[in-house]
Amino acid sequence: MSFLIKFFKIVKETHLLYFFSALAQCAASFAALVGVFAIFRLQSNAARINEEYIYAKYWLMRDVGITQAEFLTSQEIKKRLTDHYANPQIQISAKEVLGRILAAEEFNKKLVYKVSKPLKYWVVIFIGSMTALPFAKWLEGFVGAIVVFISVFASSIALWKTRRFVQRCLDFK
């Protein structure tokens, strides 16, 4: 108990200023790190989607006989693949090609959703620490210690979410 009392007494304005300015810098750098990994993964997946469309165009020219398939848009390619579901000879191939395209596009949507969680955490921590800086004088003592504890706890959660997101970005399945 005496440790807590000593801890609350040493939380001064200068300590809080250093803490919140360092926390703001760390939060901004982690938000940038999340953005870098998200852009990296989105670009690599965009290349995968492009390859799937190129393969679909090739498949339409080779197996279906559409000579102008290379000039089709992505929506037209999907429509042509869906139209060939009725043909039993190429039905399985059409479903497979369309399934690969849709899976790659769905991955992009999920990635954008997944990047929002750690990014939100770091932005909230950044804004919170920048907001706390001018009020450091009034946050001394017990209140300051509680605010520091909450900030450290929120940063730990954000760091955990960031670790999971970066791990998923580096997983090339």
C-alpha atoms as a PDB file:
ATOM      1  CA  MET A   1       0.000   0.000   0.000  1.00  0.00           C
ATOM      2  CA  SER A   2       2.826   2.381   0.780  1.00  0.00           C
ATOM      3  CA  PHE A   3       4.221   1.756  -2.715  1.00  0.00           C
ATOM      4  CA  LEU A   4       0.999   3.056  -4.288  1.00  0.00           C
ATOM      5  CA  ILE A   5       1.036   6.164  -2.127  1.00  0.00           C
ATOM      6  CA  LYS A   6       4.659   6.852  -3.099  1.00  0.00           C
ATOM      7  CA  PHE A   7       3.831   6.222  -6.756  1.00  0.00           C
ATOM      8  CA  PHE A   8       0.901   8.644  -6.712  1.00  0.00           C
ATOM      9  CA  LYS A   9       3.079  11.343  -5.124  1.00  0.00           C
ATOM     10  CA  ILE A  10       5.820  11.112  -7.761  1.00  0.00           C
ATOM     11  CA  VAL A  11       3.474  11.565 -10.737  1.00  0.00           C
ATOM     12  CA  LYS A  12       4.251  15.201 -11.527  1.00  0.00           C
ATOM     13  CA  GLU A  13       3.443  17.471 -14.440  1.00  0.00           C
ATOM     14  CA  THR A  14       6.821  16.999 -16.157  1.00  0.00           C
ATOM     15  CA  HIS A  15       6.500  13.219 -15.963  1.00  0.00           C
ATOM     16  CA  LEU A  16       3.086  13.406 -17.567  1.00  0.00           C
ATOM     17  CA  LEU A  17       4.315  15.748 -20.290  1.00  0.00           C
ATOM     18  CA  TYR A  18       7.108  13.350 -21.193  1.00  0.00           C
ATOM     19  CA  PHE A  19       4.811  10.348 -21.004  1.00  0.00           C
ATOM     20  CA  PHE A  20       2.027  11.770 -23.171  1.00  0.00           C
ATOM     21  CA  SER A  21       4.366  13.258 -25.778  1.00  0.00           C
ATOM     22  CA  ALA A  22       6.237   9.948 -26.083  1.00  0.00           C
ATOM     23  CA  LEU A  23       2.949   8.056 -26.219  1.00  0.00           C
ATOM     24  CA  ALA A  24       1.673  10.312 -29.005  1.00  0.00           C
ATOM     25  CA  GLN A  25       4.855   9.710 -31.016  1.00  0.00           C
ATOM     26  CA  CYS A  26       4.642   5.949 -30.504  1.00  0.00           C
ATOM     27  CA  ALA A  27       0.954   5.872 -31.431  1.00  0.00           C
ATOM     28  CA  ALA A  28       1.593   7.843 -34.614  1.00  0.00           C
ATOM     29  CA  SER A  29       4.469   5.566 -35.609  1.00  0.00           C
ATOM     30  CA  PHE A  30       2.432   2.412 -34.949  1.00  0.00           C
ATOM     31  CA  ALA A  31      -0.461   3.818 -36.985  1.00  0.00           C
ATOM     32  CA  ALA A  32       2.001   4.420 -39.823  1.00  0.00           C
ATOM     33  CA  LEU A  33       3.356   0.885 -39.441  1.00  0.00           C
ATOM     34  CA  VAL A  34      -0.153  -0.559 -39.696  1.00  0.00           C
ATOM     35  CA  GLY A  35      -0.730   1.538 -42.811  1.00  0.00           C
ATOM     36  CA  VAL A  36       2.502   0.335 -44.418  1.00  0.00           C
ATOM     37  CA  PHE A  37       1.621  -3.323 -43.875  1.00  0.00           C
ATOM     38  CA  ALA A  38      -1.939  -2.764 -45.117  1.00  0.00           C
ATOM     39  CA  ILE A  39      -0.755  -1.053 -48.300  1.00  0.00           C
ATOM     40  CA  PHE A  40       1.852  -3.778 -48.861  1.00  0.00           C
ATOM     41  CA  ARG A  41      -0.756  -6.514 -48.549  1.00  0.00           C
ATOM     42  CA  LEU A  42      -3.369  -4.676 -50.634  1.00  0.00           C
ATOM     43  CA  GLN A  43      -0.838  -4.169 -53.438  1.00  0.00           C
ATOM     44  CA  SER A  44       0.249  -7.787 -53.419  1.00  0.00           C
ATOM     45  CA  ASN A  45      -3.380  -8.918 -53.448  1.00  0.00           C
ATOM     46  CA  ALA A  46      -4.181  -6.490 -56.286  1.00  0.00           C
ATOM     47  CA  ALA A  47      -1.501  -8.250 -58.319  1.00  0.00           C
ATOM     48  CA  ARG A  48      -3.138 -11.591 -57.448  1.00  0.00           C
ATOM     49  CA  ILE A  49      -6.565 -10.306 -58.552  1.00  0.00           C
ATOM     50  CA  ASN A  50      -5.048  -9.051 -61.797  1.00  0.00           C
ATOM     51  CA  GLU A  51      -3.481 -12.466 -62.431  1.00  0.00           C
ATOM     52  CA  GLU A  52      -6.840 -14.151 -61.824  1.00  0.00           C
ATOM     53  CA  TYR A  53      -8.529 -11.869 -64.361  1.00  0.00           C
ATOM     54  CA  ILE A  54      -5.768 -12.520 -66.896  1.00  0.00           C
ATOM     55  CA  TYR A  55      -6.242 -16.255 -66.380  1.00  0.00           C
ATOM     56  CA  ALA A  56     -10.030 -15.843 -66.755  1.00  0.00           C
ATOM     57  CA  LYS A  57      -9.547 -13.983 -70.046  1.00  0.00           C
ATOM     58  CA  TYR A  58      -7.196 -16.718 -71.229  1.00  0.00           C
ATOM     59  CA  TRP A  59      -9.697 -19.376 -70.166  1.00  0.00           C
ATOM     60  CA  LEU A  60     -12.554 -17.614 -71.981  1.00  0.00           C
ATOM     61  CA  MET A  61     -10.486 -17.427 -75.176  1.00  0.00           C
ATOM     62  CA  ARG A  62      -9.191 -21.012 -74.939  1.00  0.00           C
ATOM     63  CA  ASP A  63     -12.140 -23.028 -73.591  1.00  0.00           C
ATOM     64  CA  VAL A  64     -15.142 -20.930 -74.626  1.00  0.00           C
ATOM     65  CA  GLY A  65     -13.824 -19.441 -77.857  1.00  0.00           C
ATOM     66  CA  ILE A  66     -14.417 -15.751 -77.139  1.00  0.00           C
ATOM     67  CA  THR A  67     -11.852 -14.076 -79.381  1.00  0.00           C
ATOM     68  CA  GLN A  68     -12.147 -10.576 -77.875  1.00  0.00           C
ATOM     69  CA  ALA A  69     -11.921 -11.700 -74.230  1.00  0.00           C
ATOM     70  CA  GLU A  70      -8.816  -9.616 -73.586  1.00  0.00           C
ATOM     71  CA  PHE A  71     -10.896  -6.441 -73.968  1.00  0.00           C
ATOM     72  CA  LEU A  72     -13.607  -7.431 -71.466  1.00  0.00           C
ATOM     73  CA  THR A  73     -14.021  -5.535 -68.214  1.00  0.00           C
ATOM     74  CA  SER A  74     -14.018  -7.304 -64.859  1.00  0.00           C
ATOM     75  CA  GLN A  75     -17.831  -7.184 -64.646  1.00  0.00           C
ATOM     76  CA  GLU A  76     -18.175  -8.600 -68.159  1.00  0.00           C
ATOM     77  CA  ILE A  77     -15.752 -11.403 -67.312  1.00  0.00           C
ATOM     78  CA  LYS A  78     -17.787 -12.332 -64.231  1.00  0.00           C
ATOM     79  CA  LYS A  79     -20.999 -12.262 -66.284  1.00  0.00           C
ATOM     80  CA  ARG A  80     -19.518 -14.454 -69.024  1.00  0.00           C
ATOM     81  CA  LEU A  81     -18.243 -16.960 -66.447  1.00  0.00           C
ATOM     82  CA  THR A  82     -21.667 -17.054 -64.768  1.00  0.00           C
ATOM     83  CA  ASP A  83     -23.358 -17.546 -68.159  1.00  0.00           C
ATOM     84  CA  HIS A  84     -21.290 -20.689 -68.770  1.00  0.00           C
ATOM     85  CA  TYR A  85     -22.577 -22.428 -65.639  1.00  0.00           C
ATOM     86  CA  ALA A  86     -25.340 -23.974 -67.795  1.00  0.00           C
ATOM     87  CA  ASN A  87     -22.890 -25.704 -70.131  1.00  0.00           C
ATOM     88  CA  PRO A  88     -22.105 -29.032 -68.386  1.00  0.00           C
ATOM     89  CA  GLN A  89     -18.829 -29.525 -70.280  1.00  0.00           C
ATOM     90  CA  ILE A  90     -17.204 -26.381 -68.863  1.00  0.00           C
ATOM     91  CA  GLN A  91     -19.412 -25.723 -65.826  1.00  0.00           C
ATOM     92  CA  ILE A  92     -16.838 -26.902 -63.267  1.00  0.00           C
ATOM     93  CA  SER A  93     -14.035 -24.883 -64.839  1.00  0.00           C
ATOM     94  CA  ALA A  94     -16.171 -21.732 -65.004  1.00  0.00           C
ATOM     95  CA  LYS A  95     -17.094 -22.088 -61.324  1.00  0.00           C
ATOM     96  CA  GLU A  96     -13.465 -22.634 -60.382  1.00  0.00           C
ATOM     97  CA  VAL A  97     -12.204 -19.595 -62.304  1.00  0.00           C
ATOM     98  CA  LEU A  98     -14.980 -17.345 -60.951  1.00  0.00           C
ATOM     99  CA  GLY A  99     -14.439 -18.717 -57.434  1.00  0.00           C
ATOM    100  CA  ARG A 100     -10.753 -17.793 -57.527  1.00  0.00           C
ATOM    101  CA  ILE A 101     -11.606 -14.239 -58.617  1.00  0.00           C
ATOM    102  CA  LEU A 102     -14.284 -13.812 -55.966  1.00  0.00           C
ATOM    103  CA  ALA A 103     -12.029 -15.239 -53.230  1.00  0.00           C
ATOM    104  CA  ALA A 104      -9.263 -12.756 -54.054  1.00  0.00           C
ATOM    105  CA  GLU A 105     -11.707  -9.830 -54.090  1.00  0.00           C
ATOM    106  CA  GLU A 106     -13.272 -10.969 -50.799  1.00  0.00           C
ATOM    107  CA  PHE A 107      -9.816 -11.072 -49.217  1.00  0.00           C
ATOM    108  CA  ASN A 108      -9.362  -7.389 -50.070  1.00  0.00           C
ATOM    109  CA  LYS A 109     -12.646  -6.491 -48.376  1.00  0.00           C
ATOM    110  CA  LYS A 110     -11.727  -8.437 -45.248  1.00  0.00           C
ATOM    111  CA  LEU A 111      -8.286  -6.845 -45.122  1.00  0.00           C
ATOM    112  CA  VAL A 112      -9.728  -3.338 -45.211  1.00  0.00           C
ATOM    113  CA  TYR A 113     -12.018  -4.300 -42.328  1.00  0.00           C
ATOM    114  CA  LYS A 114      -9.163  -5.857 -40.360  1.00  0.00           C
ATOM    115  CA  VAL A 115      -6.897  -2.830 -40.766  1.00  0.00           C
ATOM    116  CA  SER A 116      -9.532  -0.561 -39.249  1.00  0.00           C
ATOM    117  CA  LYS A 117      -9.294  -2.114 -35.763  1.00  0.00           C
ATOM    118  CA  PRO A 118      -5.623  -1.496 -34.913  1.00  0.00           C
ATOM    119  CA  LEU A 119      -5.679   1.790 -36.790  1.00  0.00           C
ATOM    120  CA  LYS A 120      -8.638   3.024 -34.723  1.00  0.00           C
ATOM    121  CA  TYR A 121      -6.901   2.065 -31.493  1.00  0.00           C
ATOM    122  CA  TRP A 122      -3.716   3.943 -32.368  1.00  0.00           C
ATOM    123  CA  VAL A 123      -5.582   7.019 -33.596  1.00  0.00           C
ATOM    124  CA  VAL A 124      -7.635   7.145 -30.382  1.00  0.00           C
ATOM    125  CA  ILE A 125      -4.479   6.778 -28.275  1.00  0.00           C
ATOM    126  CA  PHE A 126      -2.747   9.495 -30.296  1.00  0.00           C
ATOM    127  CA  ILE A 127      -5.660  11.916 -29.956  1.00  0.00           C
ATOM    128  CA  GLY A 128      -6.085  11.069 -26.278  1.00  0.00           C
ATOM    129  CA  SER A 129      -2.435  11.671 -25.467  1.00  0.00           C
ATOM    130  CA  MET A 130      -2.343  14.914 -27.451  1.00  0.00           C
ATOM    131  CA  THR A 131      -5.492  16.050 -25.642  1.00  0.00           C
ATOM    132  CA  ALA A 132      -4.001  15.172 -22.236  1.00  0.00           C
ATOM    133  CA  LEU A 133      -0.839  17.238 -22.806  1.00  0.00           C
ATOM    134  CA  PRO A 134      -2.361  20.661 -22.046  1.00  0.00           C
ATOM    135  CA  PHE A 135      -4.077  19.259 -18.949  1.00  0.00           C
ATOM    136  CA  ALA A 136      -0.966  17.660 -17.444  1.00  0.00           C
ATOM    137  CA  LYS A 137      -0.855  20.227 -14.644  1.00  0.00           C
ATOM    138  CA  TRP A 138      -4.305  19.169 -13.434  1.00  0.00           C
ATOM    139  CA  LEU A 139      -3.553  15.458 -13.820  1.00  0.00           C
ATOM    140  CA  GLU A 140      -0.840  15.282 -11.149  1.00  0.00           C
ATOM    141  CA  GLY A 141      -0.994  12.731  -8.361  1.00  0.00           C
ATOM    142  CA  PHE A 142      -3.665  10.048  -8.187  1.00  0.00           C
ATOM    143  CA  VAL A 143      -5.622  11.185 -11.253  1.00  0.00           C
ATOM    144  CA  GLY A 144      -2.431  11.254 -13.318  1.00  0.00           C
ATOM    145  CA  ALA A 145      -1.523   7.757 -12.215  1.00  0.00           C
ATOM    146  CA  ILE A 146      -4.966   6.484 -13.220  1.00  0.00           C
ATOM    147  CA  VAL A 147      -4.725   8.209 -16.621  1.00  0.00           C
ATOM    148  CA  VAL A 148      -1.260   6.713 -17.172  1.00  0.00           C
ATOM    149  CA  PHE A 149      -2.555   3.245 -16.233  1.00  0.00           C
ATOM    150  CA  ILE A 150      -5.500   3.549 -18.633  1.00  0.00           C
ATOM    151  CA  SER A 151      -3.182   4.761 -21.402  1.00  0.00           C
ATOM    152  CA  VAL A 152      -0.761   1.897 -20.873  1.00  0.00           C
ATOM    153  CA  PHE A 153      -3.648  -0.596 -20.827  1.00  0.00           C
ATOM    154  CA  ALA A 154      -5.112   0.828 -24.059  1.00  0.00           C
ATOM    155  CA  SER A 155      -1.668   0.785 -25.670  1.00  0.00           C
ATOM    156  CA  SER A 156      -1.240  -2.862 -24.713  1.00  0.00           C
ATOM    157  CA  ILE A 157      -4.526  -3.751 -26.400  1.00  0.00           C
ATOM    158  CA  ALA A 158      -3.585  -1.741 -29.488  1.00  0.00           C
ATOM    159  CA  LEU A 159      -0.176  -3.404 -29.611  1.00  0.00           C
ATOM    160  CA  TRP A 160      -1.819  -6.838 -29.398  1.00  0.00           C
ATOM    161  CA  LYS A 161      -4.215  -5.985 -32.244  1.00  0.00           C
ATOM    162  CA  THR A 162      -1.324  -4.604 -34.294  1.00  0.00           C
ATOM    163  CA  ARG A 163       0.710  -7.763 -33.770  1.00  0.00           C
ATOM    164  CA  ARG A 164      -2.175  -9.938 -34.956  1.00  0.00           C
ATOM    165  CA  PHE A 165      -2.769  -7.715 -37.992  1.00  0.00           C
ATOM    166  CA  VAL A 166       0.911  -7.683 -39.017  1.00  0.00           C
ATOM    167  CA  GLN A 167       1.056 -11.445 -38.560  1.00  0.00           C
ATOM    168  CA  ARG A 168      -1.923 -11.869 -40.906  1.00  0.00           C
ATOM    169  CA  CYS A 169      -0.399  -9.515 -43.458  1.00  0.00           C
ATOM    170  CA  LEU A 170       2.793 -11.536 -43.561  1.00  0.00           C
ATOM    171  CA  ASP A 171       0.919 -14.826 -43.891  1.00  0.00           C
ATOM    172  CA  PHE A 172       0.961 -15.592 -47.615  1.00  0.00           C
ATOM    173  CA  LYS A 173      -1.724 -18.226 -47.955  1.00  0.00           C
END
